[in-house]
């Protein structure tokens, strides 16, 4: 049995397999299908300081080898999470990590500050890919200055592990990663969804109410892998890789490209037990090739020069 433990900053994970925010609810929804305590961590549904209804329907569309979504961060707000959800999930034997989103720097800071008081939440994932109302709809995460600004502000009020989720809809994701590392991020997770759209040719109308939405699933994996590899060469902080992971081989690819840990997202909808299968597969892979620890795989990509 290989040692599957990995570290994200000072946070030790029992294994590198976690579930992505927005695809796994609050964890308890999957308890009937698997022992969620075996996971390295669970990134719970995106949380904002205020209650959000999300976008109008339709807000999901199937695409070849993937899906589009425009849910719009529907959630009941940070206070509801603290009062109703946190008591139900705090005693799981895995790391519960809250995905924090906002529409302004002030809302990010306020939400992070509230979550910081929860003893059993050791980390947050800062989603800097959502609309920034004060900048005319521009996402914080598409520029170095915008990403740095929000991370700098949150870092002042949040002392636990700070993971920053990066947008792939940029020219150079490595530069964004370097900017948030400089401002105190303990880790980066990438990639968030790619911007896409779908059209109904019968009605000649966009399928999504918002016209465009976030593309995820196996179709985005090559892009995600490339971005993890580029980022690994640019930063010293741990990388959490995600984007199209559907089996243990995909997970190994991300780790070889430079990820310390991974998140499984869209494929949870297809196979609720996929994360457990990936954990088992990683162990078997390490045993087969003589790796005593899964951490030996990180960035261990054989490239002929």
Protein backbone atom coordinates (compact mmCIF):
# COMPACT_ATOMS: atom_id res chain seq x y z
CA UNK A 1 0.00 0.00 0.00
CA UNK A 2 1.48 3.32 -1.08
CA UNK A 3 1.36 6.39 1.13
CA UNK A 4 -1.38 8.54 -0.37
CA UNK A 5 -1.05 11.45 2.06
CA UNK A 6 -0.32 14.87 0.55
CA UNK A 7 -0.10 18.39 1.93
CA UNK A 8 -1.74 21.59 0.76
CA UNK A 9 0.32 24.06 2.76
CA UNK A 10 -0.05 22.96 6.38
CA UNK A 11 -3.22 21.01 5.61
CA UNK A 12 -2.62 17.26 5.43
CA UNK A 13 -4.95 15.24 3.23
CA UNK A 14 -5.34 11.47 3.73
CA UNK A 15 -5.22 11.19 -0.09
CA UNK A 16 -5.16 13.62 -3.02
CA UNK A 17 -8.71 12.93 -4.24
CA UNK A 18 -11.31 15.60 -3.53
CA UNK A 19 -14.64 16.62 -5.03
CA UNK A 20 -15.25 19.89 -6.84
CA UNK A 21 -17.59 22.60 -5.63
CA UNK A 22 -20.99 22.63 -7.29
CA UNK A 23 -20.87 18.93 -8.20
CA UNK A 24 -21.06 17.27 -4.79
CA UNK A 25 -23.52 19.39 -2.83
CA UNK A 26 -22.50 19.47 0.83
CA UNK A 27 -21.22 15.89 0.80
CA UNK A 28 -24.12 14.38 2.70
CA UNK A 29 -26.07 13.99 -0.56
CA UNK A 30 -23.58 11.29 -1.61
CA UNK A 31 -23.43 9.43 1.70
CA UNK A 32 -25.86 6.75 0.45
CA UNK A 33 -23.54 5.88 -2.43
CA UNK A 34 -20.13 5.80 -0.76
CA UNK A 35 -18.16 6.35 2.41
CA UNK A 36 -17.39 10.04 1.98
CA UNK A 37 -14.95 9.85 4.90
CA UNK A 38 -12.49 8.14 2.54
CA UNK A 39 -12.12 11.32 0.48
CA UNK A 40 -9.18 13.63 0.90
CA UNK A 41 -11.59 16.54 1.03
CA UNK A 42 -14.91 17.92 -0.13
CA UNK A 43 -15.28 21.37 -1.69
CA UNK A 44 -18.83 22.26 -0.78
CA UNK A 45 -21.32 24.22 -2.87
CA UNK A 46 -20.38 27.82 -3.63
CA UNK A 47 -21.28 30.20 -0.81
CA UNK A 48 -21.89 33.94 -1.03
CA UNK A 49 -22.53 36.44 1.73
CA UNK A 50 -26.11 36.96 0.50
CA UNK A 51 -28.90 34.62 -0.56
CA UNK A 52 -28.81 34.06 -4.33
CA UNK A 53 -31.55 32.56 -6.49
CA UNK A 54 -29.20 31.93 -9.38
CA UNK A 55 -30.00 32.38 -13.05
CA UNK A 56 -33.33 31.66 -14.76
CA UNK A 57 -33.95 28.25 -16.32
CA UNK A 58 -32.79 26.65 -18.56
CA UNK A 59 -29.32 26.80 -17.08
CA UNK A 60 -27.78 23.43 -17.98
CA UNK A 61 -27.14 21.87 -21.38
CA UNK A 62 -25.48 18.63 -22.41
CA UNK A 63 -22.66 18.88 -24.95
CA UNK A 64 -20.43 16.25 -26.60
CA UNK A 65 -18.20 14.85 -23.81
CA UNK A 66 -19.30 17.51 -21.36
CA UNK A 67 -21.91 19.94 -20.14
CA UNK A 68 -22.63 23.65 -19.96
CA UNK A 69 -23.96 25.23 -16.80
CA UNK A 70 -25.11 28.69 -15.84
CA UNK A 71 -26.53 27.98 -12.39
CA UNK A 72 -25.33 31.34 -11.11
CA UNK A 73 -24.13 30.43 -7.61
CA UNK A 74 -27.57 29.60 -6.24
CA UNK A 75 -27.27 29.28 -2.45
CA UNK A 76 -28.96 30.51 0.72
CA UNK A 77 -26.04 32.63 1.90
CA UNK A 78 -23.27 32.42 4.48
CA UNK A 79 -25.49 32.79 7.55
CA UNK A 80 -27.72 29.90 6.44
CA UNK A 81 -24.62 27.78 5.83
CA UNK A 82 -23.28 28.55 9.30
CA UNK A 83 -26.58 27.94 11.08
CA UNK A 84 -28.04 25.01 9.13
CA UNK A 85 -25.44 23.24 6.99
CA UNK A 86 -22.26 23.45 9.05
CA UNK A 87 -23.67 21.55 12.08
CA UNK A 88 -24.63 18.66 9.77
CA UNK A 89 -21.26 18.31 8.01
CA UNK A 90 -18.66 19.40 10.56
CA UNK A 91 -18.02 15.93 12.01
CA UNK A 92 -17.26 14.06 8.81
CA UNK A 93 -13.79 12.53 8.91
CA UNK A 94 -12.54 14.46 5.92
CA UNK A 95 -11.70 18.08 5.21
CA UNK A 96 -14.75 20.21 4.44
CA UNK A 97 -13.65 23.21 2.38
CA UNK A 98 -15.99 26.08 1.51
CA UNK A 99 -15.99 27.64 -1.94
CA UNK A 100 -16.37 31.39 -1.36
CA UNK A 101 -17.71 33.64 -4.09
CA UNK A 102 -18.69 37.29 -4.32
CA UNK A 103 -19.68 40.16 -6.57
CA UNK A 104 -17.35 42.72 -4.99
CA UNK A 105 -14.19 42.70 -2.91
CA UNK A 106 -16.22 43.68 0.13
CA UNK A 107 -18.55 40.69 -0.27
CA UNK A 108 -15.63 38.27 -0.66
CA UNK A 109 -14.02 39.66 2.48
CA UNK A 110 -17.23 39.55 4.52
CA UNK A 111 -17.99 35.96 3.50
CA UNK A 112 -14.44 34.74 4.15
CA UNK A 113 -14.43 36.44 7.54
CA UNK A 114 -17.66 34.69 8.56
CA UNK A 115 -16.41 31.27 7.43
CA UNK A 116 -13.10 31.77 9.25
CA UNK A 117 -14.88 31.44 12.58
CA UNK A 118 -15.92 27.85 11.88
CA UNK A 119 -13.53 25.52 13.71
CA UNK A 120 -14.05 22.48 11.47
CA UNK A 121 -13.56 24.36 8.18
CA UNK A 122 -9.75 24.43 7.73
CA UNK A 123 -9.68 26.14 4.33
CA UNK A 124 -11.62 28.11 1.77
CA UNK A 125 -11.47 28.05 -2.00
CA UNK A 126 -11.74 31.58 -3.33
CA UNK A 127 -13.65 31.57 -6.60
CA UNK A 128 -12.38 34.61 -8.46
CA UNK A 129 -14.09 33.69 -11.72
CA UNK A 130 -17.55 35.06 -10.97
CA UNK A 131 -18.94 38.45 -12.10
CA UNK A 132 -17.50 41.57 -10.54
CA UNK A 133 -20.42 43.97 -10.52
CA UNK A 134 -18.29 46.99 -9.63
CA UNK A 135 -16.15 46.45 -12.72
CA UNK A 136 -19.01 46.16 -15.18
CA UNK A 137 -19.33 42.39 -15.19
CA UNK A 138 -15.63 41.62 -15.54
CA UNK A 139 -14.44 38.61 -13.54
CA UNK A 140 -11.71 39.29 -10.96
CA UNK A 141 -9.72 36.30 -12.16
CA UNK A 142 -9.06 37.40 -15.73
CA UNK A 143 -6.36 39.95 -14.87
CA UNK A 144 -3.34 39.85 -12.59
CA UNK A 145 -4.34 43.10 -10.90
CA UNK A 146 -7.94 41.98 -10.29
CA UNK A 147 -6.90 38.58 -8.94
CA UNK A 148 -4.24 40.12 -6.72
CA UNK A 149 -6.63 42.74 -5.37
CA UNK A 150 -9.24 40.30 -4.08
CA UNK A 151 -6.67 37.82 -2.70
CA UNK A 152 -4.83 40.62 -0.89
CA UNK A 153 -8.05 41.80 0.74
CA UNK A 154 -9.19 38.32 1.81
CA UNK A 155 -5.75 37.36 3.11
CA UNK A 156 -5.94 40.23 5.60
CA UNK A 157 -8.99 38.71 7.31
CA UNK A 158 -8.49 34.98 6.67
CA UNK A 159 -5.58 33.21 8.39
CA UNK A 160 -6.35 29.58 7.49
CA UNK A 161 -5.48 27.76 4.25
CA UNK A 162 -6.41 29.95 1.28
CA UNK A 163 -6.91 28.18 -2.04
CA UNK A 164 -7.60 30.36 -5.07
CA UNK A 165 -9.61 28.90 -7.97
CA UNK A 166 -8.37 30.23 -11.29
CA UNK A 167 -10.26 30.95 -14.48
CA UNK A 168 -9.03 29.37 -17.73
CA UNK A 169 -10.53 32.23 -19.75
CA UNK A 170 -7.25 34.15 -19.73
CA UNK A 171 -4.23 34.65 -21.94
CA UNK A 172 -1.64 33.42 -19.42
CA UNK A 173 -2.90 31.49 -16.39
CA UNK A 174 0.63 31.13 -15.00
CA UNK A 175 0.89 34.90 -14.57
CA UNK A 176 -2.41 34.98 -12.67
CA UNK A 177 -1.15 32.15 -10.45
CA UNK A 178 2.06 34.04 -9.71
CA UNK A 179 0.05 37.14 -8.79
CA UNK A 180 -2.11 35.33 -6.22
CA UNK A 181 0.91 33.44 -4.85
CA UNK A 182 2.61 36.78 -4.23
CA UNK A 183 -0.45 38.03 -2.32
CA UNK A 184 -0.42 35.06 0.05
CA UNK A 185 -2.41 32.24 -1.54
CA UNK A 186 -1.44 28.86 -0.05
CA UNK A 187 -2.56 26.95 -3.15
CA UNK A 188 -4.26 27.38 -6.50
CA UNK A 189 -6.96 25.16 -7.99
CA UNK A 190 -7.39 25.01 -11.75
CA UNK A 191 -9.24 25.03 -13.95
CA UNK A 192 -12.66 26.53 -13.50
CA UNK A 193 -15.07 26.14 -16.43
CA UNK A 194 -14.36 27.37 -19.95
CA UNK A 195 -16.78 29.87 -21.44
CA UNK A 196 -19.02 28.24 -24.03
CA UNK A 197 -22.50 28.24 -25.55
CA UNK A 198 -25.06 25.99 -27.23
CA UNK A 199 -27.78 26.77 -29.78
CA UNK A 200 -31.09 25.06 -30.56
CA UNK A 201 -31.24 25.02 -34.37
CA UNK A 202 -35.00 24.36 -34.39
CA UNK A 203 -35.80 27.56 -32.50
CA UNK A 204 -32.60 29.40 -33.52
CA UNK A 205 -32.23 30.40 -29.87
CA UNK A 206 -29.46 29.86 -27.32
CA UNK A 207 -30.20 26.86 -25.08
CA UNK A 208 -29.07 28.61 -21.89
CA UNK A 209 -31.06 31.54 -20.53
CA UNK A 210 -27.80 33.42 -20.08
CA UNK A 211 -26.66 32.58 -23.66
CA UNK A 212 -23.19 31.56 -22.48
CA UNK A 213 -22.18 29.26 -19.63
CA UNK A 214 -19.36 27.23 -18.14
CA UNK A 215 -18.13 24.18 -20.08
CA UNK A 216 -16.91 21.22 -18.03
CA UNK A 217 -16.41 17.48 -18.40
CA UNK A 218 -13.93 15.24 -20.27
CA UNK A 219 -13.83 17.63 -23.24
CA UNK A 220 -11.87 20.24 -21.24
CA UNK A 221 -9.21 17.87 -19.88
CA UNK A 222 -6.47 18.60 -22.44
CA UNK A 223 -6.78 22.33 -21.77
CA UNK A 224 -6.78 21.81 -18.00
CA UNK A 225 -3.72 19.55 -18.16
CA UNK A 226 -1.81 22.11 -20.21
CA UNK A 227 -2.65 24.87 -17.75
CA UNK A 228 -1.64 22.79 -14.71
CA UNK A 229 1.69 22.00 -16.39
CA UNK A 230 2.31 25.68 -17.22
CA UNK A 231 1.38 26.78 -13.71
CA UNK A 232 3.57 24.12 -12.06
CA UNK A 233 6.60 25.63 -13.78
CA UNK A 234 5.67 29.12 -12.56
CA UNK A 235 4.77 28.81 -8.86
CA UNK A 236 6.06 27.13 -5.71
CA UNK A 237 2.70 26.66 -3.96
CA UNK A 238 0.73 23.40 -4.39
CA UNK A 239 -1.64 23.04 -7.33
CA UNK A 240 -5.00 21.28 -7.16
CA UNK A 241 -5.88 20.08 -10.64
CA UNK A 242 -9.37 19.66 -12.04
CA UNK A 243 -11.13 19.62 -15.37
CA UNK A 244 -12.51 16.50 -16.99
CA UNK A 245 -11.19 13.91 -14.54
CA UNK A 246 -13.27 10.73 -14.92
CA UNK A 247 -10.94 7.91 -13.80
CA UNK A 248 -7.66 7.16 -12.04
CA UNK A 249 -5.62 7.52 -15.24
CA UNK A 250 -6.85 11.09 -15.63
CA UNK A 251 -5.88 11.77 -12.03
CA UNK A 252 -2.37 10.38 -12.62
CA UNK A 253 -1.99 12.61 -15.67
CA UNK A 254 -2.84 15.72 -13.64
CA UNK A 255 -0.43 14.76 -10.86
CA UNK A 256 2.38 14.05 -13.34
CA UNK A 257 1.69 17.46 -14.91
CA UNK A 258 2.30 19.10 -11.53
CA UNK A 259 -0.79 18.77 -9.35
CA UNK A 260 -0.38 17.83 -5.70
CA UNK A 261 -4.06 16.90 -5.44
CA UNK A 262 -7.08 16.74 -7.73
CA UNK A 263 -10.79 17.45 -7.72
CA UNK A 264 -13.44 15.38 -9.46
CA UNK A 265 -16.33 17.46 -10.79
CA UNK A 266 -18.77 16.73 -13.61
CA UNK A 267 -18.18 12.97 -13.53
CA UNK A 268 -19.82 12.79 -10.09
CA UNK A 269 -23.11 13.20 -11.95
CA UNK A 270 -22.37 10.12 -14.06
CA UNK A 271 -20.82 7.86 -11.40
CA UNK A 272 -21.33 8.97 -7.77
CA UNK A 273 -18.60 6.54 -6.63
CA UNK A 274 -15.94 7.63 -9.12
CA UNK A 275 -13.79 9.32 -6.44
CA UNK A 276 -13.42 6.07 -4.47
CA UNK A 277 -12.44 4.24 -7.67
CA UNK A 278 -9.79 6.89 -8.32
CA UNK A 279 -8.36 6.51 -4.80
CA UNK A 280 -8.08 2.75 -5.31
CA UNK A 281 -6.58 3.22 -8.76
CA UNK A 282 -3.92 5.64 -7.54
CA UNK A 283 -2.85 3.13 -4.91
CA UNK A 284 -2.62 0.32 -7.47
CA UNK A 285 -0.68 2.54 -9.88
CA UNK A 286 1.89 3.46 -7.23
CA UNK A 287 2.31 -0.17 -6.24
CA UNK A 288 2.68 -1.29 -9.86
CA UNK A 289 5.43 1.22 -10.66
CA UNK A 290 7.19 1.14 -7.30
CA UNK A 291 6.26 4.55 -5.94
CA UNK A 292 6.15 4.47 -2.14
CA UNK A 293 4.25 7.76 -1.99
CA UNK A 294 1.83 9.41 -4.40
CA UNK A 295 3.66 12.69 -3.79
CA UNK A 296 6.60 11.26 -5.78
CA UNK A 297 4.43 11.57 -8.89
CA UNK A 298 3.89 15.33 -8.69
CA UNK A 299 5.58 16.96 -11.68
CA UNK A 300 7.35 13.65 -12.47
CA UNK A 301 6.72 14.03 -16.18
CA UNK A 302 9.33 12.44 -18.41
CA UNK A 303 10.14 14.93 -21.14
CA UNK A 304 12.88 14.27 -23.70
CA UNK A 305 14.85 17.41 -24.44
